[in-house]
């Protein structure tokens, strides 16, 4: 028995097929490159937005808020950019809000029972 080895001759691709395949590869590379560029651009936009929208360092402020005579603070809370202080004075409950950045009064809410 003799073994015969069959060697396959390299197939020369058709020039038209080669051009078509190269065009497809270029198209896919262009799509991939544009996608990457768009993603990197979006990242830089977010970084720039956060840098320019930041309000910088917070300036320390000393403020004294006066309370009605005999009032006591029941609770405090922070909500967004507001500081809320719940007071109780003479049987009535009141909530005062202050701007967290400037500590200026932003409003009052009083509660009373119906007669």
PDB file of N, CA and C in Angstrom:
ATOM      1  N   UNK A   1       0.813  -1.158   0.000  1.00  0.00           N
ATOM      2  CA  UNK A   1       0.000   0.000   0.000  1.00  0.00           C
ATOM      3  C   UNK A   1       0.869   1.237   0.000  1.00  0.00           C
ATOM      4  N   UNK A   2       0.506   2.083  -0.836  1.00  0.00           N
ATOM      5  CA  UNK A   2       1.240   3.339  -0.894  1.00  0.00           C
ATOM      6  C   UNK A   2       0.315   4.460  -0.481  1.00  0.00           C
ATOM      7  N   UNK A   3       0.877   5.333   0.270  1.00  0.00           N
ATOM      8  CA  UNK A   3       0.097   6.487   0.681  1.00  0.00           C
ATOM      9  C   UNK A   3       0.396   7.634  -0.253  1.00  0.00           C
ATOM     10  N   UNK A   4      -0.632   8.196  -0.718  1.00  0.00           N
ATOM     11  CA  UNK A   4      -0.432   9.363  -1.565  1.00  0.00           C
ATOM     12  C   UNK A   4      -0.923  10.587  -0.799  1.00  0.00           C
ATOM     13  N   UNK A   5      -0.125  11.550  -0.764  1.00  0.00           N
ATOM     14  CA  UNK A   5      -0.517  12.770  -0.083  1.00  0.00           C
ATOM     15  C   UNK A   5      -1.033  13.746  -1.115  1.00  0.00           C
ATOM     16  N   UNK A   6      -2.142  14.258  -0.795  1.00  0.00           N
ATOM     17  CA  UNK A   6      -2.759  15.215  -1.698  1.00  0.00           C
ATOM     18  C   UNK A   6      -2.486  16.596  -1.139  1.00  0.00           C
ATOM     19  N   UNK A   7      -1.859  17.400  -1.885  1.00  0.00           N
ATOM     20  CA  UNK A   7      -1.616  18.760  -1.468  1.00  0.00           C
ATOM     21  C   UNK A   7      -2.559  19.661  -2.241  1.00  0.00           C
ATOM     22  N   UNK A   8      -3.209  20.489  -1.515  1.00  0.00           N
ATOM     23  CA  UNK A   8      -4.157  21.389  -2.153  1.00  0.00           C
ATOM     24  C   UNK A   8      -3.401  22.604  -2.656  1.00  0.00           C
ATOM     25  N   UNK A   9      -3.649  22.908  -3.830  1.00  0.00           N
ATOM     26  CA  UNK A   9      -3.018  24.086  -4.415  1.00  0.00           C
ATOM     27  C   UNK A   9      -3.733  25.317  -3.874  1.00  0.00           C
ATOM     28  N   UNK A  10      -2.992  26.357  -3.519  1.00  0.00           N
ATOM     29  CA  UNK A  10      -3.653  27.547  -3.012  1.00  0.00           C
ATOM     30  C   UNK A  10      -4.589  28.132  -4.059  1.00  0.00           C
ATOM     31  N   UNK A  11      -5.766  28.494  -3.561  1.00  0.00           N
ATOM     32  CA  UNK A  11      -6.780  29.027  -4.467  1.00  0.00           C
ATOM     33  C   UNK A  11      -6.575  30.528  -4.549  1.00  0.00           C
ATOM     34  N   UNK A  12      -6.408  31.002  -5.720  1.00  0.00           N
ATOM     35  CA  UNK A  12      -6.281  32.441  -5.910  1.00  0.00           C
ATOM     36  C   UNK A  12      -7.668  33.050  -5.862  1.00  0.00           C
ATOM     37  N   UNK A  13      -7.882  34.002  -4.923  1.00  0.00           N
ATOM     38  CA  UNK A  13      -9.208  34.601  -4.853  1.00  0.00           C
ATOM     39  C   UNK A  13      -9.456  35.469  -6.086  1.00  0.00           C
ATOM     40  N   UNK A  14     -10.686  35.513  -6.409  1.00  0.00           N
ATOM     41  CA  UNK A  14     -11.112  36.327  -7.535  1.00  0.00           C
ATOM     42  C   UNK A  14     -10.889  37.797  -7.168  1.00  0.00           C
ATOM     43  N   UNK A  15     -10.336  38.628  -8.015  1.00  0.00           N
ATOM     44  CA  UNK A  15     -10.095  40.033  -7.689  1.00  0.00           C
ATOM     45  C   UNK A  15     -11.387  40.784  -7.325  1.00  0.00           C
ATOM     46  N   UNK A  16     -12.488  40.393  -7.917  1.00  0.00           N
ATOM     47  CA  UNK A  16     -13.767  41.044  -7.582  1.00  0.00           C
ATOM     48  C   UNK A  16     -14.188  40.700  -6.154  1.00  0.00           C
ATOM     49  N   UNK A  17     -14.005  39.420  -5.786  1.00  0.00           N
ATOM     50  CA  UNK A  17     -14.346  39.013  -4.430  1.00  0.00           C
ATOM     51  C   UNK A  17     -13.430  39.681  -3.411  1.00  0.00           C
ATOM     52  N   UNK A  18     -12.151  39.801  -3.756  1.00  0.00           N
ATOM     53  CA  UNK A  18     -11.209  40.458  -2.863  1.00  0.00           C
ATOM     54  C   UNK A  18     -11.597  41.918  -2.654  1.00  0.00           C
ATOM     55  N   UNK A  19     -11.956  42.606  -3.704  1.00  0.00           N
ATOM     56  CA  UNK A  19     -12.353  44.011  -3.594  1.00  0.00           C
ATOM     57  C   UNK A  19     -13.625  44.150  -2.766  1.00  0.00           C
ATOM     58  N   UNK A  20     -14.577  43.232  -2.960  1.00  0.00           N
ATOM     59  CA  UNK A  20     -15.815  43.270  -2.200  1.00  0.00           C
ATOM     60  C   UNK A  20     -15.555  43.017  -0.717  1.00  0.00           C
ATOM     61  N   UNK A  21     -14.686  42.043  -0.437  1.00  0.00           N
ATOM     62  CA  UNK A  21     -14.372  41.740   0.954  1.00  0.00           C
ATOM     63  C   UNK A  21     -13.641  42.910   1.615  1.00  0.00           C
ATOM     64  N   UNK A  22     -12.717  43.535   0.922  1.00  0.00           N
ATOM     65  CA  UNK A  22     -11.999  44.684   1.477  1.00  0.00           C
ATOM     66  C   UNK A  22     -12.952  45.860   1.733  1.00  0.00           C
ATOM     67  N   UNK A  23     -13.929  46.044   0.868  1.00  0.00           N
ATOM     68  CA  UNK A  23     -14.912  47.105   1.066  1.00  0.00           C
ATOM     69  C   UNK A  23     -15.744  46.834   2.322  1.00  0.00           C
ATOM     70  N   UNK A  24     -16.111  45.586   2.529  1.00  0.00           N
ATOM     71  CA  UNK A  24     -16.877  45.236   3.733  1.00  0.00           C
ATOM     72  C   UNK A  24     -16.044  45.444   4.996  1.00  0.00           C
ATOM     73  N   UNK A  25     -14.774  45.053   4.942  1.00  0.00           N
ATOM     74  CA  UNK A  25     -13.892  45.231   6.095  1.00  0.00           C
ATOM     75  C   UNK A  25     -13.734  46.715   6.400  1.00  0.00           C
ATOM     76  N   UNK A  26     -13.540  47.534   5.378  1.00  0.00           N
ATOM     77  CA  UNK A  26     -13.413  48.983   5.589  1.00  0.00           C
ATOM     78  C   UNK A  26     -14.685  49.564   6.208  1.00  0.00           C
ATOM     79  N   UNK A  27     -15.820  49.094   5.727  1.00  0.00           N
ATOM     80  CA  UNK A  27     -17.100  49.584   6.252  1.00  0.00           C
ATOM     81  C   UNK A  27     -17.240  49.228   7.732  1.00  0.00           C
ATOM     82  N   UNK A  28     -16.916  47.990   8.097  1.00  0.00           N
ATOM     83  CA  UNK A  28     -17.004  47.574   9.496  1.00  0.00           C
ATOM     84  C   UNK A  28     -16.005  48.326  10.365  1.00  0.00           C
ATOM     85  N   UNK A  29     -14.812  48.571   9.857  1.00  0.00           N
ATOM     86  CA  UNK A  29     -13.820  49.332  10.608  1.00  0.00           C
ATOM     87  C   UNK A  29     -14.280  50.773  10.800  1.00  0.00           C
ATOM     88  N   UNK A  30     -14.914  51.346   9.801  1.00  0.00           N
ATOM     89  CA  UNK A  30     -15.425  52.707   9.911  1.00  0.00           C
ATOM     90  C   UNK A  30     -16.536  52.783  10.959  1.00  0.00           C
ATOM     91  N   UNK A  31     -17.446  51.823  10.952  1.00  0.00           N
ATOM     92  CA  UNK A  31     -18.531  51.794  11.941  1.00  0.00           C
ATOM     93  C   UNK A  31     -17.958  51.641  13.348  1.00  0.00           C
ATOM     94  N   UNK A  32     -17.002  50.736  13.511  1.00  0.00           N
ATOM     95  CA  UNK A  32     -16.385  50.540  14.828  1.00  0.00           C
ATOM     96  C   UNK A  32     -15.639  51.772  15.301  1.00  0.00           C
ATOM     97  N   UNK A  33     -14.895  52.405  14.409  1.00  0.00           N
ATOM     98  CA  UNK A  33     -14.154  53.618  14.770  1.00  0.00           C
ATOM     99  C   UNK A  33     -15.078  54.760  15.148  1.00  0.00           C
ATOM    100  N   UNK A  34     -16.158  54.941  14.404  1.00  0.00           N
ATOM    101  CA  UNK A  34     -17.113  55.999  14.717  1.00  0.00           C
ATOM    102  C   UNK A  34     -17.810  55.741  16.052  1.00  0.00           C
ATOM    103  N   UNK A  35     -18.115  54.489  16.338  1.00  0.00           N
ATOM    104  CA  UNK A  35     -18.749  54.150  17.613  1.00  0.00           C
ATOM    105  C   UNK A  35     -17.820  54.463  18.787  1.00  0.00           C
ATOM    106  N   UNK A  36     -16.564  54.112  18.655  1.00  0.00           N
ATOM    107  CA  UNK A  36     -15.593  54.392  19.708  1.00  0.00           C
ATOM    108  C   UNK A  36     -15.422  55.907  19.886  1.00  0.00           C
ATOM    109  N   UNK A  37     -15.321  56.638  18.774  1.00  0.00           N
ATOM    110  CA  UNK A  37     -15.168  58.094  18.849  1.00  0.00           C
ATOM    111  C   UNK A  37     -16.388  58.737  19.511  1.00  0.00           C
ATOM    112  N   UNK A  38     -17.575  58.244  19.190  1.00  0.00           N
ATOM    113  CA  UNK A  38     -18.792  58.769  19.799  1.00  0.00           C
ATOM    114  C   UNK A  38     -18.809  58.503  21.308  1.00  0.00           C
ATOM    115  N   UNK A  39     -18.398  57.323  21.718  1.00  0.00           N
ATOM    116  CA  UNK A  39     -18.351  56.982  23.142  1.00  0.00           C
ATOM    117  C   UNK A  39     -17.345  57.838  23.898  1.00  0.00           C
ATOM    118  N   UNK A  40     -16.163  58.023  23.332  1.00  0.00           N
ATOM    119  CA  UNK A  40     -15.148  58.858  23.989  1.00  0.00           C
ATOM    120  C   UNK A  40     -15.619  60.307  24.051  1.00  0.00           C
ATOM    121  N   UNK A  41     -16.253  60.786  22.983  1.00  0.00           N
ATOM    122  CA  UNK A  41     -16.791  62.141  22.987  1.00  0.00           C
ATOM    123  C   UNK A  41     -17.853  62.327  24.061  1.00  0.00           C
ATOM    124  N   UNK A  42     -18.715  61.337  24.243  1.00  0.00           N
ATOM    125  CA  UNK A  42     -19.755  61.410  25.273  1.00  0.00           C
ATOM    126  C   UNK A  42     -19.129  61.460  26.664  1.00  0.00           C
ATOM    127  N   UNK A  43     -18.081  60.692  26.878  1.00  0.00           N
ATOM    128  CA  UNK A  43     -17.403  60.706  28.183  1.00  0.00           C
ATOM    129  C   UNK A  43     -16.811  62.082  28.460  1.00  0.00           C
ATOM    130  N   UNK A  44     -16.153  62.671  27.460  1.00  0.00           N
ATOM    131  CA  UNK A  44     -15.585  64.007  27.650  1.00  0.00           C
ATOM    132  C   UNK A  44     -16.667  65.051  27.875  1.00  0.00           C
ATOM    133  N   UNK A  45     -17.804  64.901  27.224  1.00  0.00           N
ATOM    134  CA  UNK A  45     -18.901  65.848  27.448  1.00  0.00           C
ATOM    135  C   UNK A  45     -19.416  65.766  28.884  1.00  0.00           C
ATOM    136  N   UNK A  46     -19.565  64.566  29.413  1.00  0.00           N
ATOM    137  CA  UNK A  46     -20.037  64.403  30.793  1.00  0.00           C
ATOM    138  C   UNK A  46     -19.024  64.988  31.772  1.00  0.00           C
ATOM    139  N   UNK A  47     -17.750  64.732  31.541  1.00  0.00           N
ATOM    140  CA  UNK A  47     -16.718  65.278  32.422  1.00  0.00           C
ATOM    141  C   UNK A  47     -16.739  66.801  32.368  1.00  0.00           C
ATOM    142  N   UNK A  48     -16.816  67.368  31.177  1.00  0.00           N
ATOM    143  CA  UNK A  48     -16.862  68.820  31.032  1.00  0.00           C
ATOM    144  C   UNK A  48     -18.087  69.419  31.685  1.00  0.00           C
ATOM    145  N   UNK A  49     -19.225  68.763  31.520  1.00  0.00           N
ATOM    146  CA  UNK A  49     -20.465  69.254  32.136  1.00  0.00           C
ATOM    147  C   UNK A  49     -20.333  69.301  33.648  1.00  0.00           C
ATOM    148  N   UNK A  50     -19.786  68.236  34.219  1.00  0.00           N
ATOM    149  CA  UNK A  50     -19.657  68.187  35.681  1.00  0.00           C
ATOM    150  C   UNK A  50     -18.641  69.193  36.194  1.00  0.00           C
ATOM    151  N   UNK A  51     -17.583  69.448  35.436  1.00  0.00           N
ATOM    152  CA  UNK A  51     -16.580  70.408  35.872  1.00  0.00           C
ATOM    153  C   UNK A  51     -17.156  71.822  35.838  1.00  0.00           C
ATOM    154  N   UNK A  52     -17.839  72.171  34.763  1.00  0.00           N
ATOM    155  CA  UNK A  52     -18.336  73.537  34.628  1.00  0.00           C
ATOM    156  C   UNK A  52     -19.627  73.791  35.393  1.00  0.00           C
ATOM    157  N   UNK A  53     -20.374  72.754  35.742  1.00  0.00           N
ATOM    158  CA  UNK A  53     -21.600  72.937  36.513  1.00  0.00           C
ATOM    159  C   UNK A  53     -21.350  72.910  38.013  1.00  0.00           C
ATOM    160  N   UNK A  54     -20.182  72.481  38.438  1.00  0.00           N
ATOM    161  CA  UNK A  54     -19.913  72.447  39.873  1.00  0.00           C
ATOM    162  C   UNK A  54     -19.847  73.875  40.388  1.00  0.00           C
ATOM    163  N   UNK A  55     -20.315  74.071  41.569  1.00  0.00           N
ATOM    164  CA  UNK A  55     -20.420  75.406  42.123  1.00  0.00           C
ATOM    165  C   UNK A  55     -19.148  75.811  42.859  1.00  0.00           C
ATOM    166  N   UNK A  56     -18.119  75.026  42.739  1.00  0.00           N
ATOM    167  CA  UNK A  56     -16.871  75.374  43.401  1.00  0.00           C
ATOM    168  C   UNK A  56     -16.916  75.001  44.871  1.00  0.00           C
ATOM    169  N   UNK A  57     -16.006  75.572  45.614  1.00  0.00           N
ATOM    170  CA  UNK A  57     -15.950  75.259  47.036  1.00  0.00           C
ATOM    171  C   UNK A  57     -17.054  76.012  47.774  1.00  0.00           C
ATOM    172  N   UNK A  58     -17.506  75.427  48.838  1.00  0.00           N
ATOM    173  CA  UNK A  58     -18.576  76.018  49.634  1.00  0.00           C
ATOM    174  C   UNK A  58     -17.970  77.057  50.574  1.00  0.00           C
ATOM    175  N   UNK A  59     -18.572  78.219  50.606  1.00  0.00           N
ATOM    176  CA  UNK A  59     -18.102  79.288  51.476  1.00  0.00           C
ATOM    177  C   UNK A  59     -18.738  79.086  52.845  1.00  0.00           C
ATOM    178  N   UNK A  60     -17.901  79.105  53.872  1.00  0.00           N
ATOM    179  CA  UNK A  60     -18.407  78.933  55.236  1.00  0.00           C
ATOM    180  C   UNK A  60     -19.146  80.198  55.666  1.00  0.00           C
ATOM    181  N   UNK A  61     -20.326  80.018  56.235  1.00  0.00           N
ATOM    182  CA  UNK A  61     -21.133  81.150  56.693  1.00  0.00           C
ATOM    183  C   UNK A  61     -21.506  80.934  58.153  1.00  0.00           C
ATOM    184  N   UNK A  62     -21.447  81.992  58.906  1.00  0.00           N
ATOM    185  CA  UNK A  62     -21.896  81.952  60.293  1.00  0.00           C
ATOM    186  C   UNK A  62     -23.198  82.732  60.382  1.00  0.00           C
ATOM    187  N   UNK A  63     -24.249  82.070  60.816  1.00  0.00           N
ATOM    188  CA  UNK A  63     -25.561  82.695  60.920  1.00  0.00           C
ATOM    189  C   UNK A  63     -26.195  82.292  62.234  1.00  0.00           C
ATOM    190  N   UNK A  64     -26.915  83.224  62.815  1.00  0.00           N
ATOM    191  CA  UNK A  64     -27.667  82.930  64.034  1.00  0.00           C
ATOM    192  C   UNK A  64     -29.146  83.100  63.714  1.00  0.00           C
ATOM    193  N   UNK A  65     -29.891  82.044  63.881  1.00  0.00           N
ATOM    194  CA  UNK A  65     -31.334  82.096  63.660  1.00  0.00           C
ATOM    195  C   UNK A  65     -32.007  82.296  65.009  1.00  0.00           C
ATOM    196  N   UNK A  66     -32.906  83.241  65.072  1.00  0.00           N
ATOM    197  CA  UNK A  66     -33.606  83.497  66.338  1.00  0.00           C
ATOM    198  C   UNK A  66     -34.882  82.678  66.383  1.00  0.00           C
ATOM    199  N   UNK A  67     -35.146  82.126  67.542  1.00  0.00           N
ATOM    200  CA  UNK A  67     -36.349  81.324  67.752  1.00  0.00           C
ATOM    201  C   UNK A  67     -37.311  82.110  68.633  1.00  0.00           C
ATOM    202  N   UNK A  68     -38.598  81.819  68.518  1.00  0.00           N
ATOM    203  CA  UNK A  68     -39.550  82.474  69.426  1.00  0.00           C
ATOM    204  C   UNK A  68     -39.234  82.081  70.873  1.00  0.00           C
ATOM    205  N   UNK A  69     -39.586  82.950  71.795  1.00  0.00           N
ATOM    206  CA  UNK A  69     -39.305  82.702  73.208  1.00  0.00           C
ATOM    207  C   UNK A  69     -40.020  81.427  73.662  1.00  0.00           C
ATOM    208  N   UNK A  70     -39.305  80.556  74.300  1.00  0.00           N
ATOM    209  CA  UNK A  70     -39.873  79.313  74.809  1.00  0.00           C
ATOM    210  C   UNK A  70     -39.944  78.196  73.777  1.00  0.00           C
ATOM    211  N   UNK A  71     -39.474  78.445  72.572  1.00  0.00           N
ATOM    212  CA  UNK A  71     -39.533  77.411  71.525  1.00  0.00           C
ATOM    213  C   UNK A  71     -38.390  76.421  71.705  1.00  0.00           C
ATOM    214  N   UNK A  72     -38.643  75.208  71.284  1.00  0.00           N
ATOM    215  CA  UNK A  72     -37.576  74.210  71.320  1.00  0.00           C
ATOM    216  C   UNK A  72     -37.534  73.479  69.987  1.00  0.00           C
ATOM    217  N   UNK A  73     -36.357  73.061  69.601  1.00  0.00           N
ATOM    218  CA  UNK A  73     -36.177  72.344  68.334  1.00  0.00           C
ATOM    219  C   UNK A  73     -36.524  70.885  68.564  1.00  0.00           C
ATOM    220  N   UNK A  74     -37.471  70.396  67.768  1.00  0.00           N
ATOM    221  CA  UNK A  74     -37.916  69.009  67.893  1.00  0.00           C
ATOM    222  C   UNK A  74     -37.114  68.101  66.965  1.00  0.00           C
ATOM    223  N   UNK A  75     -36.876  68.556  65.733  1.00  0.00           N
ATOM    224  CA  UNK A  75     -36.163  67.729  64.755  1.00  0.00           C
ATOM    225  C   UNK A  75     -35.517  68.623  63.713  1.00  0.00           C
ATOM    226  N   UNK A  76     -34.498  68.084  63.055  1.00  0.00           N
ATOM    227  CA  UNK A  76     -33.858  68.742  61.921  1.00  0.00           C
ATOM    228  C   UNK A  76     -33.710  67.720  60.809  1.00  0.00           C
ATOM    229  N   UNK A  77     -33.680  68.206  59.576  1.00  0.00           N
ATOM    230  CA  UNK A  77     -33.512  67.319  58.428  1.00  0.00           C
ATOM    231  C   UNK A  77     -32.931  68.113  57.268  1.00  0.00           C
ATOM    232  N   UNK A  78     -32.327  67.411  56.346  1.00  0.00           N
ATOM    233  CA  UNK A  78     -31.807  68.025  55.123  1.00  0.00           C
ATOM    234  C   UNK A  78     -32.552  67.397  53.967  1.00  0.00           C
ATOM    235  N   UNK A  79     -33.101  68.246  53.096  1.00  0.00           N
ATOM    236  CA  UNK A  79     -33.848  67.770  51.938  1.00  0.00           C
ATOM    237  C   UNK A  79     -33.372  68.545  50.717  1.00  0.00           C
ATOM    238  N   UNK A  80     -32.580  67.889  49.881  1.00  0.00           N
ATOM    239  CA  UNK A  80     -32.065  68.563  48.692  1.00  0.00           C
ATOM    240  C   UNK A  80     -31.149  69.704  49.088  1.00  0.00           C
ATOM    241  N   UNK A  81     -31.516  70.916  48.712  1.00  0.00           N
ATOM    242  CA  UNK A  81     -30.708  72.079  49.063  1.00  0.00           C
ATOM    243  C   UNK A  81     -31.370  72.900  50.167  1.00  0.00           C
ATOM    244  N   UNK A  82     -32.174  72.256  50.987  1.00  0.00           N
ATOM    245  CA  UNK A  82     -32.860  72.922  52.093  1.00  0.00           C
ATOM    246  C   UNK A  82     -32.530  72.227  53.410  1.00  0.00           C
ATOM    247  N   UNK A  83     -32.465  73.029  54.462  1.00  0.00           N
ATOM    248  CA  UNK A  83     -32.341  72.513  55.825  1.00  0.00           C
ATOM    249  C   UNK A  83     -33.678  72.780  56.500  1.00  0.00           C
ATOM    250  N   UNK A  84     -34.288  71.747  57.049  1.00  0.00           N
ATOM    251  CA  UNK A  84     -35.593  71.866  57.692  1.00  0.00           C
ATOM    252  C   UNK A  84     -35.434  71.733  59.200  1.00  0.00           C
ATOM    253  N   UNK A  85     -36.039  72.660  59.918  1.00  0.00           N
ATOM    254  CA  UNK A  85     -35.988  72.652  61.378  1.00  0.00           C
ATOM    255  C   UNK A  85     -37.426  72.648  61.892  1.00  0.00           C
ATOM    256  N   UNK A  86     -37.773  71.648  62.699  1.00  0.00           N
ATOM    257  CA  UNK A  86     -39.105  71.560  63.286  1.00  0.00           C
ATOM    258  C   UNK A  86     -39.052  72.130  64.694  1.00  0.00           C
ATOM    259  N   UNK A  87     -39.909  73.119  64.936  1.00  0.00           N
ATOM    260  CA  UNK A  87     -39.961  73.793  66.240  1.00  0.00           C
ATOM    261  C   UNK A  87     -41.288  73.508  66.919  1.00  0.00           C
ATOM    262  N   UNK A  88     -41.258  73.554  68.238  1.00  0.00           N
ATOM    263  CA  UNK A  88     -42.492  73.472  69.016  1.00  0.00           C
ATOM    264  C   UNK A  88     -42.487  74.656  69.974  1.00  0.00           C
ATOM    265  N   UNK A  89     -43.557  75.452  69.885  1.00  0.00           N
ATOM    266  CA  UNK A  89     -43.623  76.657  70.704  1.00  0.00           C
ATOM    267  C   UNK A  89     -45.056  76.882  71.148  1.00  0.00           C
ATOM    268  N   UNK A  90     -45.283  76.885  72.413  1.00  0.00           N
ATOM    269  CA  UNK A  90     -46.608  77.163  72.953  1.00  0.00           C
ATOM    270  C   UNK A  90     -47.672  76.202  72.445  1.00  0.00           C
ATOM    271  N   UNK A  91     -47.344  74.939  72.256  1.00  0.00           N
ATOM    272  CA  UNK A  91     -48.315  73.948  71.806  1.00  0.00           C
ATOM    273  C   UNK A  91     -48.510  73.920  70.296  1.00  0.00           C
ATOM    274  N   UNK A  92     -47.831  74.769  69.574  1.00  0.00           N
ATOM    275  CA  UNK A  92     -47.936  74.778  68.119  1.00  0.00           C
ATOM    276  C   UNK A  92     -46.640  74.252  67.506  1.00  0.00           C
ATOM    277  N   UNK A  93     -46.794  73.575  66.378  1.00  0.00           N
ATOM    278  CA  UNK A  93     -45.641  73.048  65.669  1.00  0.00           C
ATOM    279  C   UNK A  93     -45.399  73.899  64.432  1.00  0.00           C
ATOM    280  N   UNK A  94     -44.133  74.155  64.159  1.00  0.00           N
ATOM    281  CA  UNK A  94     -43.757  74.994  63.021  1.00  0.00           C
ATOM    282  C   UNK A  94     -42.522  74.392  62.362  1.00  0.00           C
ATOM    283  N   UNK A  95     -42.497  74.399  61.043  1.00  0.00           N
ATOM    284  CA  UNK A  95     -41.324  73.936  60.301  1.00  0.00           C
ATOM    285  C   UNK A  95     -40.739  75.139  59.578  1.00  0.00           C
ATOM    286  N   UNK A  96     -39.473  75.388  59.808  1.00  0.00           N
ATOM    287  CA  UNK A  96     -38.774  76.467  59.118  1.00  0.00           C
ATOM    288  C   UNK A  96     -37.750  75.844  58.169  1.00  0.00           C
ATOM    289  N   UNK A  97     -37.673  76.416  56.980  1.00  0.00           N
ATOM    290  CA  UNK A  97     -36.701  75.904  56.008  1.00  0.00           C
ATOM    291  C   UNK A  97     -35.680  76.990  55.704  1.00  0.00           C
ATOM    292  N   UNK A  98     -34.441  76.550  55.493  1.00  0.00           N
ATOM    293  CA  UNK A  98     -33.329  77.440  55.202  1.00  0.00           C
ATOM    294  C   UNK A  98     -32.592  76.922  53.974  1.00  0.00           C
ATOM    295  N   UNK A  99     -32.055  77.837  53.181  1.00  0.00           N
ATOM    296  CA  UNK A  99     -31.238  77.444  52.040  1.00  0.00           C
ATOM    297  C   UNK A  99     -29.927  76.874  52.576  1.00  0.00           C
ATOM    298  N   UNK A 100     -29.529  75.699  52.098  1.00  0.00           N
ATOM    299  CA  UNK A 100     -28.351  75.022  52.641  1.00  0.00           C
ATOM    300  C   UNK A 100     -27.056  75.746  52.291  1.00  0.00           C
ATOM    301  N   UNK A 101     -27.014  76.450  51.186  1.00  0.00           N
ATOM    302  CA  UNK A 101     -25.781  77.125  50.783  1.00  0.00           C
ATOM    303  C   UNK A 101     -25.598  78.478  51.475  1.00  0.00           C
ATOM    304  N   UNK A 102     -26.659  79.249  51.560  1.00  0.00           N
ATOM    305  CA  UNK A 102     -26.539  80.598  52.121  1.00  0.00           C
ATOM    306  C   UNK A 102     -27.045  80.704  53.550  1.00  0.00           C
ATOM    307  N   UNK A 103     -27.782  79.703  54.013  1.00  0.00           N
ATOM    308  CA  UNK A 103     -28.402  79.669  55.341  1.00  0.00           C
ATOM    309  C   UNK A 103     -29.430  80.779  55.546  1.00  0.00           C
ATOM    310  N   UNK A 104     -29.960  81.306  54.458  1.00  0.00           N
ATOM    311  CA  UNK A 104     -31.018  82.316  54.553  1.00  0.00           C
ATOM    312  C   UNK A 104     -32.358  81.609  54.709  1.00  0.00           C
ATOM    313  N   UNK A 105     -33.291  82.198  55.465  1.00  0.00           N
ATOM    314  CA  UNK A 105     -34.615  81.585  55.624  1.00  0.00           C
ATOM    315  C   UNK A 105     -35.326  81.465  54.268  1.00  0.00           C
ATOM    316  N   UNK A 106     -35.924  80.303  54.049  1.00  0.00           N
ATOM    317  CA  UNK A 106     -36.626  80.069  52.783  1.00  0.00           C
ATOM    318  C   UNK A 106     -38.135  79.990  52.973  1.00  0.00           C
ATOM    319  N   UNK A 107     -38.596  79.735  54.175  1.00  0.00           N
ATOM    320  CA  UNK A 107     -40.033  79.680  54.391  1.00  0.00           C
ATOM    321  C   UNK A 107     -40.403  79.104  55.749  1.00  0.00           C
ATOM    322  N   UNK A 108     -41.687  79.290  56.096  1.00  0.00           N
ATOM    323  CA  UNK A 108     -42.218  78.774  57.360  1.00  0.00           C
ATOM    324  C   UNK A 108     -43.504  78.016  57.072  1.00  0.00           C
ATOM    325  N   UNK A 109     -43.733  76.989  57.838  1.00  0.00           N
ATOM    326  CA  UNK A 109     -44.979  76.241  57.753  1.00  0.00           C
ATOM    327  C   UNK A 109     -45.463  76.026  59.177  1.00  0.00           C
ATOM    328  N   UNK A 110     -46.628  76.592  59.497  1.00  0.00           N
ATOM    329  CA  UNK A 110     -47.169  76.472  60.848  1.00  0.00           C
ATOM    330  C   UNK A 110     -48.321  75.486  60.865  1.00  0.00           C
ATOM    331  N   UNK A 111     -48.428  74.757  61.945  1.00  0.00           N
ATOM    332  CA  UNK A 111     -49.510  73.800  62.130  1.00  0.00           C
ATOM    333  C   UNK A 111     -50.327  74.231  63.348  1.00  0.00           C
ATOM    334  N   UNK A 112     -51.630  74.162  63.217  1.00  0.00           N
ATOM    335  CA  UNK A 112     -52.499  74.481  64.326  1.00  0.00           C
ATOM    336  C   UNK A 112     -53.673  73.498  64.315  1.00  0.00           C
ATOM    337  N   UNK A 113     -54.215  73.249  65.485  1.00  0.00           N
ATOM    338  CA  UNK A 113     -55.359  72.359  65.553  1.00  0.00           C
ATOM    339  C   UNK A 113     -56.639  73.158  65.291  1.00  0.00           C
ATOM    340  N   UNK A 114     -57.625  72.495  64.753  1.00  0.00           N
ATOM    341  CA  UNK A 114     -58.908  73.161  64.473  1.00  0.00           C
ATOM    342  C   UNK A 114     -59.640  73.415  65.788  1.00  0.00           C
ATOM    343  N   UNK A 115     -60.382  74.518  65.862  1.00  0.00           N
ATOM    344  CA  UNK A 115     -61.095  74.796  67.110  1.00  0.00           C
ATOM    345  C   UNK A 115     -62.271  73.861  67.309  1.00  0.00           C
TER     346      UNK A 115
END
